[in-house]
Amino acid sequence: MANSEASDMIEKAINLGMKSNKGHDDSDILVEWVVVAYVANPDNEKGSAYPMFFSNGDIPTYRARGLLTTALLKLNEPSQE
């Protein structure tokens, strides 16, 4: 676990969710991750935001870019359903 309470909570949720992922193996180990969220506030003056959370609270920029780039590439792949 990390040195960040938010990171610890998110990592627990990812590990739990990954168990339902097709092709998951119990020996899989979550190493690094990035979560991007969209939050809206009904108060128009406060607006909306896209908070990002990183494993251990922070990871090197090149690793975050690699994870996000991979996510974009996977989104563009044809559906395997």
C-alpha atoms as a PDB file:
ATOM      1  CA  MET A   1       0.000   0.000   0.000  1.00  0.00           C
ATOM      2  CA  ALA A   2       0.937   3.618  -0.459  1.00  0.00           C
ATOM      3  CA  ASN A   3       1.712   6.574   1.695  1.00  0.00           C
ATOM      4  CA  SER A   4      -1.531   8.248   0.641  1.00  0.00           C
ATOM      5  CA  GLU A   5      -4.931   7.429   2.155  1.00  0.00           C
ATOM      6  CA  ALA A   6      -6.716   8.228  -1.129  1.00  0.00           C
ATOM      7  CA  SER A   7      -4.292   5.994  -3.043  1.00  0.00           C
ATOM      8  CA  ASP A   8      -4.834   3.136  -0.591  1.00  0.00           C
ATOM      9  CA  MET A   9      -8.629   3.363  -0.907  1.00  0.00           C
ATOM     10  CA  ILE A  10      -8.570   3.523  -4.705  1.00  0.00           C
ATOM     11  CA  GLU A  11      -6.075   0.661  -4.954  1.00  0.00           C
ATOM     12  CA  LYS A  12      -8.302  -1.573  -2.808  1.00  0.00           C
ATOM     13  CA  ALA A  13     -11.253  -0.787  -5.096  1.00  0.00           C
ATOM     14  CA  ILE A  14      -9.230  -1.473  -8.270  1.00  0.00           C
ATOM     15  CA  ASN A  15      -7.970  -4.792  -6.912  1.00  0.00           C
ATOM     16  CA  LEU A  16     -11.510  -5.795  -5.996  1.00  0.00           C
ATOM     17  CA  GLY A  17     -12.888  -4.716  -9.380  1.00  0.00           C
ATOM     18  CA  MET A  18     -10.118  -6.471 -11.316  1.00  0.00           C
ATOM     19  CA  LYS A  19     -11.322  -9.830  -9.979  1.00  0.00           C
ATOM     20  CA  SER A  20     -14.317  -9.531 -12.307  1.00  0.00           C
ATOM     21  CA  ASN A  21     -12.128  -8.572 -15.285  1.00  0.00           C
ATOM     22  CA  LYS A  22     -12.115 -11.110 -18.121  1.00  0.00           C
ATOM     23  CA  GLY A  23      -8.783 -12.916 -18.122  1.00  0.00           C
ATOM     24  CA  HIS A  24      -7.964 -12.017 -14.510  1.00  0.00           C
ATOM     25  CA  ASP A  25      -5.603 -14.388 -12.752  1.00  0.00           C
ATOM     26  CA  ASP A  26      -5.300 -14.514  -8.958  1.00  0.00           C
ATOM     27  CA  SER A  27      -1.528 -14.122  -9.305  1.00  0.00           C
ATOM     28  CA  ASP A  28      -1.896 -10.762 -11.134  1.00  0.00           C
ATOM     29  CA  ILE A  29      -0.281  -7.910  -9.205  1.00  0.00           C
ATOM     30  CA  LEU A  30      -1.423  -4.310  -9.587  1.00  0.00           C
ATOM     31  CA  VAL A  31       1.750  -2.245  -9.986  1.00  0.00           C
ATOM     32  CA  GLU A  32       0.824   1.258 -11.130  1.00  0.00           C
ATOM     33  CA  TRP A  33      -2.396   2.987 -12.044  1.00  0.00           C
ATOM     34  CA  VAL A  34      -3.978   6.324 -12.908  1.00  0.00           C
ATOM     35  CA  VAL A  35      -7.621   7.209 -12.273  1.00  0.00           C
ATOM     36  CA  VAL A  36      -9.211  10.153 -14.059  1.00  0.00           C
ATOM     37  CA  ALA A  37     -12.629  11.238 -12.862  1.00  0.00           C
ATOM     38  CA  TYR A  38     -15.146  13.895 -13.836  1.00  0.00           C
ATOM     39  CA  VAL A  39     -16.880  15.758 -11.040  1.00  0.00           C
ATOM     40  CA  ALA A  40     -19.628  18.305 -11.514  1.00  0.00           C
ATOM     41  CA  ASN A  41     -20.855  20.779  -8.937  1.00  0.00           C
ATOM     42  CA  PRO A  42     -24.445  22.066  -9.018  1.00  0.00           C
ATOM     43  CA  ASP A  43     -23.021  25.471  -8.057  1.00  0.00           C
ATOM     44  CA  ASN A  44     -22.184  26.903 -11.501  1.00  0.00           C
ATOM     45  CA  GLU A  45     -19.562  29.211 -10.005  1.00  0.00           C
ATOM     46  CA  LYS A  46     -17.610  26.216  -8.733  1.00  0.00           C
ATOM     47  CA  GLY A  47     -17.964  24.399 -12.057  1.00  0.00           C
ATOM     48  CA  SER A  48     -16.594  20.970 -12.827  1.00  0.00           C
ATOM     49  CA  ALA A  49     -13.190  19.322 -12.658  1.00  0.00           C
ATOM     50  CA  TYR A  50     -11.160  16.312 -13.762  1.00  0.00           C
ATOM     51  CA  PRO A  51      -9.247  15.123 -10.704  1.00  0.00           C
ATOM     52  CA  MET A  52      -6.481  12.605 -11.318  1.00  0.00           C
ATOM     53  CA  PHE A  53      -5.229  10.116  -8.769  1.00  0.00           C
ATOM     54  CA  PHE A  54      -1.964   8.197  -9.038  1.00  0.00           C
ATOM     55  CA  SER A  55      -0.714   5.031  -7.388  1.00  0.00           C
ATOM     56  CA  ASN A  56       1.268   5.895  -4.259  1.00  0.00           C
ATOM     57  CA  GLY A  57      -0.042   9.451  -4.570  1.00  0.00           C
ATOM     58  CA  ASP A  58       2.485  10.240  -7.320  1.00  0.00           C
ATOM     59  CA  ILE A  59       4.283   8.481 -10.164  1.00  0.00           C
ATOM     60  CA  PRO A  60       6.836   9.753 -12.678  1.00  0.00           C
ATOM     61  CA  THR A  61       5.274  11.788 -15.480  1.00  0.00           C
ATOM     62  CA  TYR A  62       6.520   9.416 -18.199  1.00  0.00           C
ATOM     63  CA  ARG A  63       4.756   6.491 -16.512  1.00  0.00           C
ATOM     64  CA  ALA A  64       1.494   8.420 -16.146  1.00  0.00           C
ATOM     65  CA  ARG A  65       1.710   9.417 -19.823  1.00  0.00           C
ATOM     66  CA  GLY A  66       2.358   5.797 -20.780  1.00  0.00           C
ATOM     67  CA  LEU A  67      -0.680   4.555 -18.863  1.00  0.00           C
ATOM     68  CA  LEU A  68      -2.931   7.272 -20.274  1.00  0.00           C
ATOM     69  CA  THR A  69      -1.642   6.740 -23.828  1.00  0.00           C
ATOM     70  CA  THR A  70      -2.281   3.001 -23.515  1.00  0.00           C
ATOM     71  CA  ALA A  71      -5.823   3.731 -22.319  1.00  0.00           C
ATOM     72  CA  LEU A  72      -6.449   5.930 -25.372  1.00  0.00           C
ATOM     73  CA  LEU A  73      -5.093   3.252 -27.716  1.00  0.00           C
ATOM     74  CA  LYS A  74      -7.293   0.593 -26.095  1.00  0.00           C
ATOM     75  CA  LEU A  75     -10.360   2.824 -26.445  1.00  0.00           C
ATOM     76  CA  ASN A  76      -9.719   2.965 -30.191  1.00  0.00           C
ATOM     77  CA  GLU A  77      -9.442  -0.825 -30.572  1.00  0.00           C
ATOM     78  CA  PRO A  78     -12.416  -2.619 -32.092  1.00  0.00           C
ATOM     79  CA  SER A  79     -14.694  -4.156 -29.485  1.00  0.00           C
ATOM     80  CA  GLN A  80     -13.882  -7.779 -28.632  1.00  0.00           C
ATOM     81  CA  GLU A  81     -17.441  -8.625 -27.541  1.00  0.00           C
END
